[in-house]
Amino acid sequence: MNETPFSTSDAPAAPSTTLKKKGLPTWGWILIILLVMGPVGLVAMSIVAAVAIPRLLAARMEANEARIQHDTEAIILAIQSYVGIEGEYPDSLTDLVRPDKSGAQYLNSDRVPKDPWGREYLYALPGEFAPEALVYTFGADGQPGGEVESEDLVFSVD
């Protein structure tokens, strides 16, 4: 007969308590990581912002300038067509979108486009400020004068 030297009732009991881990608890490690990585992350975000923000502003300015160029070219062509057919300059830019007797419009739109800042383009008849008609915008600030985004952009109708 094959007997085991100990019966199951004679086996030593397993310890009922768990051993404590040495070192920091999990929340301690998380706190250390946050304390070390927080400033590093802040510096990294500052560097990214220092590079990205000027580029984003420059891209926005380029897009605004391209839009203004497109809008004013369309308005100037419409004014030139108006002068060619009517024999005089329109009194205002709204004359370019108002259908004439035949139902045609000089500016192919329901309304005169607005500048990138949501204001209407300005129009001056020949002789008001210059010998030729002008289409212009005062820029981002909406005030005469200014620099960078607030610079006045003036286009003449030749």
N, C-alpha and C. Protein backbone atom coordinates (compact mmCIF):
# COMPACT_ATOMS: atom_id res chain seq x y z
N MET A 1 0.82 -1.17 0.00
CA MET A 1 0.00 0.00 0.00
C MET A 1 0.86 1.23 0.00
N ASN A 2 0.42 2.14 -0.72
CA ASN A 2 1.17 3.36 -0.89
C ASN A 2 0.61 4.42 0.05
N GLU A 3 1.31 4.65 1.08
CA GLU A 3 0.83 5.64 2.03
C GLU A 3 1.70 6.87 1.96
N THR A 4 1.07 7.96 2.13
CA THR A 4 1.83 9.20 2.18
C THR A 4 2.28 9.40 3.60
N PRO A 5 3.45 10.02 3.77
CA PRO A 5 3.93 10.18 5.13
C PRO A 5 3.04 11.07 5.97
N PHE A 6 2.34 12.01 5.34
CA PHE A 6 1.45 12.88 6.11
C PHE A 6 0.06 12.75 5.57
N SER A 7 -0.86 12.77 6.39
CA SER A 7 -2.23 12.79 5.92
C SER A 7 -2.60 14.24 5.66
N THR A 8 -3.70 14.45 4.97
CA THR A 8 -4.11 15.81 4.63
C THR A 8 -4.43 16.60 5.87
N SER A 9 -4.78 15.94 6.90
CA SER A 9 -5.10 16.69 8.12
C SER A 9 -3.82 17.10 8.85
N ASP A 10 -2.66 16.46 8.53
CA ASP A 10 -1.41 16.80 9.18
C ASP A 10 -0.61 17.86 8.44
N ALA A 11 -1.07 18.31 7.23
CA ALA A 11 -0.32 19.29 6.42
C ALA A 11 -0.30 20.63 7.11
N PRO A 12 0.80 21.38 6.98
CA PRO A 12 0.86 22.70 7.61
C PRO A 12 -0.12 23.65 6.95
N ALA A 13 -0.69 24.51 7.74
CA ALA A 13 -1.69 25.45 7.23
C ALA A 13 -0.99 26.57 6.49
N ALA A 14 -1.62 27.07 5.42
CA ALA A 14 -1.09 28.20 4.64
C ALA A 14 -1.26 29.46 5.45
N PRO A 15 -0.31 30.38 5.34
CA PRO A 15 -0.45 31.61 6.12
C PRO A 15 -1.68 32.38 5.69
N SER A 16 -2.38 32.93 6.62
CA SER A 16 -3.63 33.64 6.33
C SER A 16 -3.41 35.11 6.01
N THR A 17 -2.26 35.62 6.27
CA THR A 17 -1.99 37.03 5.98
C THR A 17 -1.12 37.12 4.74
N THR A 18 -1.34 38.19 3.95
CA THR A 18 -0.52 38.40 2.76
C THR A 18 0.67 39.24 3.14
N LEU A 19 1.74 39.05 2.42
CA LEU A 19 2.95 39.82 2.68
C LEU A 19 2.78 41.24 2.14
N LYS A 20 3.26 42.21 2.86
CA LYS A 20 3.21 43.59 2.40
C LYS A 20 4.35 43.82 1.42
N LYS A 21 4.03 44.58 0.35
CA LYS A 21 5.04 44.92 -0.63
C LYS A 21 5.91 46.03 -0.05
N LYS A 22 7.16 45.96 -0.43
CA LYS A 22 8.06 47.02 -0.01
C LYS A 22 8.05 48.09 -1.09
N GLY A 23 8.21 49.35 -0.74
CA GLY A 23 8.25 50.44 -1.71
C GLY A 23 7.00 51.30 -1.65
N LEU A 24 6.86 52.12 -2.68
CA LEU A 24 5.74 53.06 -2.73
C LEU A 24 4.47 52.39 -3.21
N PRO A 25 3.33 52.85 -2.71
CA PRO A 25 2.07 52.35 -3.27
C PRO A 25 1.87 52.93 -4.68
N THR A 26 0.92 52.40 -5.40
CA THR A 26 0.66 52.82 -6.78
C THR A 26 0.39 54.31 -6.88
N TRP A 27 -0.40 54.84 -5.97
CA TRP A 27 -0.71 56.27 -6.04
C TRP A 27 0.54 57.12 -5.85
N GLY A 28 1.50 56.61 -5.12
CA GLY A 28 2.76 57.32 -4.93
C GLY A 28 3.56 57.41 -6.22
N TRP A 29 3.59 56.31 -6.96
CA TRP A 29 4.28 56.31 -8.26
C TRP A 29 3.59 57.25 -9.24
N ILE A 30 2.28 57.24 -9.24
CA ILE A 30 1.53 58.13 -10.13
C ILE A 30 1.84 59.59 -9.80
N LEU A 31 1.88 59.90 -8.51
CA LEU A 31 2.19 61.26 -8.08
C LEU A 31 3.59 61.67 -8.52
N ILE A 32 4.55 60.79 -8.36
CA ILE A 32 5.93 61.08 -8.78
C ILE A 32 5.99 61.32 -10.29
N ILE A 33 5.32 60.47 -11.07
CA ILE A 33 5.30 60.63 -12.53
C ILE A 33 4.70 61.97 -12.92
N LEU A 34 3.59 62.32 -12.26
CA LEU A 34 2.95 63.61 -12.57
C LEU A 34 3.85 64.79 -12.20
N LEU A 35 4.53 64.69 -11.07
CA LEU A 35 5.40 65.77 -10.64
C LEU A 35 6.60 65.95 -11.57
N VAL A 36 7.10 64.83 -12.10
CA VAL A 36 8.25 64.90 -13.00
C VAL A 36 7.81 65.27 -14.42
N MET A 37 6.77 64.63 -14.91
CA MET A 37 6.34 64.84 -16.29
C MET A 37 5.53 66.12 -16.48
N GLY A 38 4.91 66.62 -15.43
CA GLY A 38 4.12 67.84 -15.55
C GLY A 38 4.92 69.00 -16.11
N PRO A 39 6.03 69.37 -15.47
CA PRO A 39 6.84 70.47 -16.01
C PRO A 39 7.43 70.16 -17.38
N VAL A 40 7.83 68.91 -17.60
CA VAL A 40 8.36 68.52 -18.91
C VAL A 40 7.27 68.68 -19.97
N GLY A 41 6.07 68.23 -19.65
CA GLY A 41 4.95 68.37 -20.59
C GLY A 41 4.61 69.83 -20.84
N LEU A 42 4.68 70.63 -19.79
CA LEU A 42 4.40 72.06 -19.93
C LEU A 42 5.42 72.73 -20.84
N VAL A 43 6.68 72.39 -20.66
CA VAL A 43 7.73 72.95 -21.51
C VAL A 43 7.52 72.48 -22.96
N ALA A 44 7.20 71.21 -23.15
CA ALA A 44 6.98 70.69 -24.50
C ALA A 44 5.79 71.39 -25.16
N MET A 45 4.70 71.57 -24.42
CA MET A 45 3.53 72.26 -24.98
C MET A 45 3.85 73.72 -25.30
N SER A 46 4.67 74.36 -24.48
CA SER A 46 5.07 75.74 -24.74
C SER A 46 5.88 75.85 -26.02
N ILE A 47 6.77 74.90 -26.23
CA ILE A 47 7.58 74.90 -27.46
C ILE A 47 6.68 74.69 -28.67
N VAL A 48 5.78 73.73 -28.58
CA VAL A 48 4.86 73.47 -29.70
C VAL A 48 4.02 74.72 -29.97
N ALA A 49 3.51 75.37 -28.93
CA ALA A 49 2.69 76.57 -29.11
C ALA A 49 3.51 77.70 -29.72
N ALA A 50 4.75 77.84 -29.29
CA ALA A 50 5.61 78.91 -29.81
C ALA A 50 5.88 78.74 -31.30
N VAL A 51 5.90 77.52 -31.76
CA VAL A 51 6.13 77.26 -33.18
C VAL A 51 4.82 77.30 -33.96
N ALA A 52 3.77 76.69 -33.42
CA ALA A 52 2.52 76.52 -34.17
C ALA A 52 1.69 77.79 -34.27
N ILE A 53 1.58 78.55 -33.21
CA ILE A 53 0.68 79.71 -33.21
C ILE A 53 1.08 80.75 -34.26
N PRO A 54 2.34 81.15 -34.36
CA PRO A 54 2.69 82.09 -35.43
C PRO A 54 2.40 81.56 -36.83
N ARG A 55 2.62 80.27 -37.01
CA ARG A 55 2.33 79.68 -38.33
C ARG A 55 0.84 79.68 -38.62
N LEU A 56 0.02 79.39 -37.61
CA LEU A 56 -1.42 79.43 -37.80
C LEU A 56 -1.91 80.84 -38.10
N LEU A 57 -1.37 81.82 -37.39
CA LEU A 57 -1.75 83.21 -37.65
C LEU A 57 -1.34 83.65 -39.05
N ALA A 58 -0.15 83.26 -39.48
CA ALA A 58 0.31 83.60 -40.82
C ALA A 58 -0.57 82.94 -41.88
N ALA A 59 -0.95 81.69 -41.64
CA ALA A 59 -1.82 80.99 -42.59
C ALA A 59 -3.19 81.66 -42.67
N ARG A 60 -3.71 82.10 -41.51
CA ARG A 60 -5.00 82.79 -41.51
C ARG A 60 -4.91 84.12 -42.26
N MET A 61 -3.81 84.84 -42.06
CA MET A 61 -3.63 86.11 -42.77
C MET A 61 -3.54 85.88 -44.28
N GLU A 62 -2.82 84.86 -44.69
CA GLU A 62 -2.72 84.54 -46.12
C GLU A 62 -4.08 84.16 -46.69
N ALA A 63 -4.85 83.40 -45.95
CA ALA A 63 -6.19 83.02 -46.42
C ALA A 63 -7.09 84.25 -46.53
N ASN A 64 -7.02 85.16 -45.57
CA ASN A 64 -7.82 86.38 -45.63
C ASN A 64 -7.42 87.23 -46.83
N GLU A 65 -6.12 87.37 -47.07
CA GLU A 65 -5.65 88.14 -48.21
C GLU A 65 -6.10 87.52 -49.53
N ALA A 66 -6.05 86.19 -49.63
CA ALA A 66 -6.50 85.51 -50.85
C ALA A 66 -7.99 85.72 -51.06
N ARG A 67 -8.75 85.66 -49.98
CA ARG A 67 -10.20 85.87 -50.09
C ARG A 67 -10.50 87.30 -50.53
N ILE A 68 -9.81 88.27 -49.93
CA ILE A 68 -10.01 89.67 -50.31
C ILE A 68 -9.65 89.87 -51.77
N GLN A 69 -8.55 89.29 -52.20
CA GLN A 69 -8.13 89.40 -53.60
C GLN A 69 -9.20 88.83 -54.53
N HIS A 70 -9.72 87.67 -54.19
CA HIS A 70 -10.76 87.04 -55.02
C HIS A 70 -12.02 87.90 -55.05
N ASP A 71 -12.48 88.34 -53.88
CA ASP A 71 -13.70 89.14 -53.80
C ASP A 71 -13.58 90.44 -54.57
N THR A 72 -12.47 91.15 -54.36
CA THR A 72 -12.32 92.46 -55.02
C THR A 72 -12.15 92.31 -56.53
N GLU A 73 -11.50 91.24 -56.98
CA GLU A 73 -11.41 91.01 -58.43
C GLU A 73 -12.80 90.83 -59.02
N ALA A 74 -13.65 90.05 -58.36
CA ALA A 74 -15.02 89.84 -58.85
C ALA A 74 -15.81 91.15 -58.84
N ILE A 75 -15.66 91.94 -57.78
CA ILE A 75 -16.38 93.21 -57.69
C ILE A 75 -15.89 94.18 -58.77
N ILE A 76 -14.58 94.25 -58.97
CA ILE A 76 -14.02 95.15 -59.98
C ILE A 76 -14.48 94.75 -61.38
N LEU A 77 -14.48 93.46 -61.68
CA LEU A 77 -14.98 93.01 -62.99
C LEU A 77 -16.45 93.37 -63.17
N ALA A 78 -17.24 93.22 -62.10
CA ALA A 78 -18.65 93.57 -62.18
C ALA A 78 -18.83 95.08 -62.40
N ILE A 79 -18.01 95.89 -61.73
CA ILE A 79 -18.08 97.35 -61.92
C ILE A 79 -17.70 97.70 -63.36
N GLN A 80 -16.65 97.08 -63.86
CA GLN A 80 -16.23 97.34 -65.24
C GLN A 80 -17.32 96.95 -66.24
N SER A 81 -18.00 95.82 -66.01
CA SER A 81 -19.11 95.41 -66.87
C SER A 81 -20.25 96.41 -66.78
N TYR A 82 -20.56 96.85 -65.59
CA TYR A 82 -21.62 97.83 -65.36
C TYR A 82 -21.33 99.11 -66.14
N VAL A 83 -20.10 99.60 -66.02
CA VAL A 83 -19.70 100.83 -66.73
C VAL A 83 -19.78 100.61 -68.23
N GLY A 84 -19.36 99.45 -68.70
CA GLY A 84 -19.39 99.16 -70.14
C GLY A 84 -20.80 99.14 -70.70
N ILE A 85 -21.75 98.65 -69.93
CA ILE A 85 -23.13 98.53 -70.41
C ILE A 85 -23.95 99.78 -70.09
N GLU A 86 -23.85 100.27 -68.87
CA GLU A 86 -24.68 101.40 -68.43
C GLU A 86 -24.07 102.75 -68.79
N GLY A 87 -22.77 102.79 -69.02
CA GLY A 87 -22.12 104.04 -69.38
C GLY A 87 -21.76 104.92 -68.20
N GLU A 88 -21.98 104.46 -66.98
CA GLU A 88 -21.62 105.21 -65.78
C GLU A 88 -21.31 104.23 -64.66
N TYR A 89 -20.69 104.75 -63.61
CA TYR A 89 -20.37 103.90 -62.47
C TYR A 89 -21.62 103.66 -61.63
N PRO A 90 -21.70 102.48 -60.99
CA PRO A 90 -22.85 102.25 -60.10
C PRO A 90 -22.78 103.19 -58.90
N ASP A 91 -23.93 103.55 -58.37
CA ASP A 91 -23.96 104.41 -57.19
C ASP A 91 -23.45 103.68 -55.95
N SER A 92 -23.69 102.38 -55.87
CA SER A 92 -23.23 101.57 -54.74
C SER A 92 -22.97 100.15 -55.24
N LEU A 93 -22.35 99.36 -54.40
CA LEU A 93 -22.06 97.98 -54.78
C LEU A 93 -23.33 97.14 -54.86
N THR A 94 -24.39 97.54 -54.18
CA THR A 94 -25.65 96.79 -54.27
C THR A 94 -26.26 96.87 -55.66
N ASP A 95 -25.90 97.89 -56.43
CA ASP A 95 -26.38 97.98 -57.83
C ASP A 95 -25.85 96.82 -58.66
N LEU A 96 -24.76 96.21 -58.22
CA LEU A 96 -24.16 95.10 -58.97
C LEU A 96 -24.92 93.80 -58.79
N VAL A 97 -25.67 93.65 -57.71
CA VAL A 97 -26.43 92.42 -57.48
C VAL A 97 -27.92 92.61 -57.74
N ARG A 98 -28.35 93.83 -57.93
CA ARG A 98 -29.75 94.11 -58.24
C ARG A 98 -29.98 93.83 -59.72
N PRO A 99 -30.91 92.96 -60.07
CA PRO A 99 -31.16 92.66 -61.48
C PRO A 99 -31.57 93.91 -62.26
N ASP A 100 -31.05 94.03 -63.48
CA ASP A 100 -31.43 95.16 -64.32
C ASP A 100 -32.75 94.87 -65.04
N LYS A 101 -33.11 95.68 -66.00
CA LYS A 101 -34.39 95.53 -66.70
C LYS A 101 -34.53 94.16 -67.37
N SER A 102 -33.43 93.62 -67.82
CA SER A 102 -33.47 92.31 -68.48
C SER A 102 -33.35 91.16 -67.48
N GLY A 103 -33.15 91.47 -66.20
CA GLY A 103 -33.02 90.43 -65.18
C GLY A 103 -31.59 89.98 -64.93
N ALA A 104 -30.63 90.59 -65.63
CA ALA A 104 -29.23 90.21 -65.46
C ALA A 104 -28.61 90.93 -64.27
N GLN A 105 -27.64 90.29 -63.67
CA GLN A 105 -26.88 90.88 -62.56
C GLN A 105 -25.42 90.99 -63.00
N TYR A 106 -24.77 92.01 -62.53
CA TYR A 106 -23.37 92.19 -62.89
C TYR A 106 -22.45 91.37 -61.98
N LEU A 107 -22.85 91.20 -60.75
CA LEU A 107 -22.11 90.37 -59.81
C LEU A 107 -22.95 89.12 -59.60
N ASN A 108 -22.44 87.98 -59.99
CA ASN A 108 -23.20 86.75 -59.97
C ASN A 108 -23.35 86.24 -58.53
N SER A 109 -24.22 86.91 -57.77
CA SER A 109 -24.43 86.56 -56.37
C SER A 109 -25.73 87.19 -55.89
N ASP A 110 -26.29 86.67 -54.82
CA ASP A 110 -27.49 87.25 -54.24
C ASP A 110 -27.18 88.52 -53.46
N ARG A 111 -25.93 88.64 -53.01
CA ARG A 111 -25.53 89.79 -52.22
C ARG A 111 -24.07 90.11 -52.50
N VAL A 112 -23.66 91.31 -52.14
CA VAL A 112 -22.27 91.71 -52.27
C VAL A 112 -21.49 90.95 -51.20
N PRO A 113 -20.35 90.34 -51.57
CA PRO A 113 -19.60 89.60 -50.55
C PRO A 113 -19.11 90.52 -49.44
N LYS A 114 -18.89 89.94 -48.27
CA LYS A 114 -18.35 90.68 -47.14
C LYS A 114 -16.88 90.31 -46.97
N ASP A 115 -16.14 91.21 -46.35
CA ASP A 115 -14.73 90.93 -46.12
C ASP A 115 -14.58 89.81 -45.09
N PRO A 116 -13.38 89.28 -44.89
CA PRO A 116 -13.21 88.16 -43.97
C PRO A 116 -13.63 88.44 -42.53
N TRP A 117 -13.81 89.70 -42.18
CA TRP A 117 -14.20 90.05 -40.82
C TRP A 117 -15.68 90.35 -40.71
N GLY A 118 -16.43 90.05 -41.78
CA GLY A 118 -17.89 90.17 -41.75
C GLY A 118 -18.43 91.56 -42.07
N ARG A 119 -17.57 92.46 -42.53
CA ARG A 119 -18.03 93.80 -42.89
C ARG A 119 -18.12 93.93 -44.40
N GLU A 120 -18.96 94.84 -44.84
CA GLU A 120 -19.12 95.05 -46.28
C GLU A 120 -17.90 95.76 -46.85
N TYR A 121 -17.57 95.41 -48.09
CA TYR A 121 -16.51 96.14 -48.79
C TYR A 121 -17.00 97.55 -49.04
N LEU A 122 -16.08 98.48 -49.03
CA LEU A 122 -16.41 99.88 -49.25
C LEU A 122 -16.13 100.24 -50.70
N TYR A 123 -16.83 101.26 -51.17
CA TYR A 123 -16.74 101.64 -52.58
C TYR A 123 -16.72 103.15 -52.66
N ALA A 124 -15.82 103.68 -53.45
CA ALA A 124 -15.75 105.13 -53.67
C ALA A 124 -15.81 105.40 -55.17
N LEU A 125 -16.67 106.30 -55.55
CA LEU A 125 -16.79 106.70 -56.95
C LEU A 125 -15.55 107.48 -57.38
N PRO A 126 -15.28 107.54 -58.68
CA PRO A 126 -14.13 108.33 -59.13
C PRO A 126 -14.25 109.77 -58.67
N GLY A 127 -13.15 110.33 -58.20
CA GLY A 127 -13.13 111.71 -57.75
C GLY A 127 -13.38 111.89 -56.26
N GLU A 128 -13.93 110.89 -55.58
CA GLU A 128 -14.14 111.02 -54.13
C GLU A 128 -12.81 111.04 -53.38
N PHE A 129 -11.97 110.04 -53.65
CA PHE A 129 -10.67 109.94 -52.99
C PHE A 129 -9.53 109.86 -53.99
N ALA A 130 -9.85 109.44 -55.19
CA ALA A 130 -8.84 109.22 -56.22
C ALA A 130 -9.50 109.44 -57.59
N PRO A 131 -8.70 109.57 -58.63
CA PRO A 131 -9.29 109.77 -59.96
C PRO A 131 -10.11 108.57 -60.45
N GLU A 132 -9.81 107.39 -59.94
CA GLU A 132 -10.54 106.18 -60.36
C GLU A 132 -11.42 105.70 -59.20
N ALA A 133 -12.34 104.81 -59.53
CA ALA A 133 -13.19 104.20 -58.50
C ALA A 133 -12.34 103.26 -57.65
N LEU A 134 -12.71 103.13 -56.38
CA LEU A 134 -11.95 102.29 -55.45
C LEU A 134 -12.88 101.29 -54.76
N VAL A 135 -12.36 100.11 -54.54
CA VAL A 135 -13.01 99.11 -53.69
C VAL A 135 -12.00 98.83 -52.59
N TYR A 136 -12.45 98.88 -51.32
CA TYR A 136 -11.48 98.74 -50.23
C TYR A 136 -12.11 98.18 -48.97
N THR A 137 -11.24 97.76 -48.06
CA THR A 137 -11.62 97.31 -46.74
C THR A 137 -10.62 97.88 -45.74
N PHE A 138 -11.08 98.15 -44.53
CA PHE A 138 -10.21 98.71 -43.51
C PHE A 138 -9.46 97.64 -42.71
N GLY A 139 -9.60 96.38 -43.06
CA GLY A 139 -8.87 95.32 -42.38
C GLY A 139 -9.58 94.83 -41.13
N ALA A 140 -8.83 94.12 -40.30
CA ALA A 140 -9.40 93.43 -39.14
C ALA A 140 -10.03 94.37 -38.13
N ASP A 141 -9.45 95.56 -37.94
CA ASP A 141 -9.98 96.47 -36.92
C ASP A 141 -11.14 97.33 -37.41
N GLY A 142 -11.36 97.38 -38.73
CA GLY A 142 -12.47 98.16 -39.27
C GLY A 142 -12.26 99.66 -39.20
N GLN A 143 -11.04 100.09 -38.90
CA GLN A 143 -10.72 101.51 -38.78
C GLN A 143 -9.69 101.90 -39.84
N PRO A 144 -9.75 103.13 -40.33
CA PRO A 144 -8.73 103.57 -41.29
C PRO A 144 -7.33 103.48 -40.70
N GLY A 145 -6.38 103.14 -41.54
CA GLY A 145 -5.00 103.00 -41.08
C GLY A 145 -4.79 101.64 -40.44
N GLY A 146 -3.62 101.42 -39.94
CA GLY A 146 -3.33 100.16 -39.27
C GLY A 146 -2.22 99.39 -39.95
N GLU A 147 -1.79 98.36 -39.28
CA GLU A 147 -0.71 97.53 -39.78
C GLU A 147 -1.09 96.06 -39.66
N VAL A 148 -0.36 95.25 -40.37
CA VAL A 148 -0.52 93.81 -40.40
C VAL A 148 -1.97 93.47 -40.77
N GLU A 149 -2.73 92.80 -39.90
CA GLU A 149 -4.10 92.42 -40.24
C GLU A 149 -5.05 93.62 -40.28
N SER A 150 -4.69 94.69 -39.65
CA SER A 150 -5.54 95.88 -39.61
C SER A 150 -5.22 96.85 -40.74
N GLU A 151 -4.34 96.46 -41.63
CA GLU A 151 -3.94 97.32 -42.74
C GLU A 151 -5.10 97.50 -43.71
N ASP A 152 -5.26 98.73 -44.22
CA ASP A 152 -6.27 99.01 -45.23
C ASP A 152 -5.83 98.38 -46.55
N LEU A 153 -6.75 97.76 -47.22
CA LEU A 153 -6.47 97.17 -48.54
C LEU A 153 -7.35 97.87 -49.57
N VAL A 154 -6.72 98.59 -50.48
CA VAL A 154 -7.44 99.41 -51.44
C VAL A 154 -7.11 98.91 -52.85
N PHE A 155 -8.15 98.76 -53.66
CA PHE A 155 -8.00 98.29 -55.03
C PHE A 155 -8.69 99.29 -55.95
N SER A 156 -8.02 99.65 -57.02
CA SER A 156 -8.61 100.63 -57.95
C SER A 156 -9.29 99.91 -59.10
N VAL A 157 -10.34 100.54 -59.58
CA VAL A 157 -11.06 100.02 -60.75
C VAL A 157 -10.48 100.75 -61.95
N ASP A 158 -9.71 100.06 -62.73
CA ASP A 158 -9.07 100.68 -63.91
C ASP A 158 -9.99 100.69 -65.10
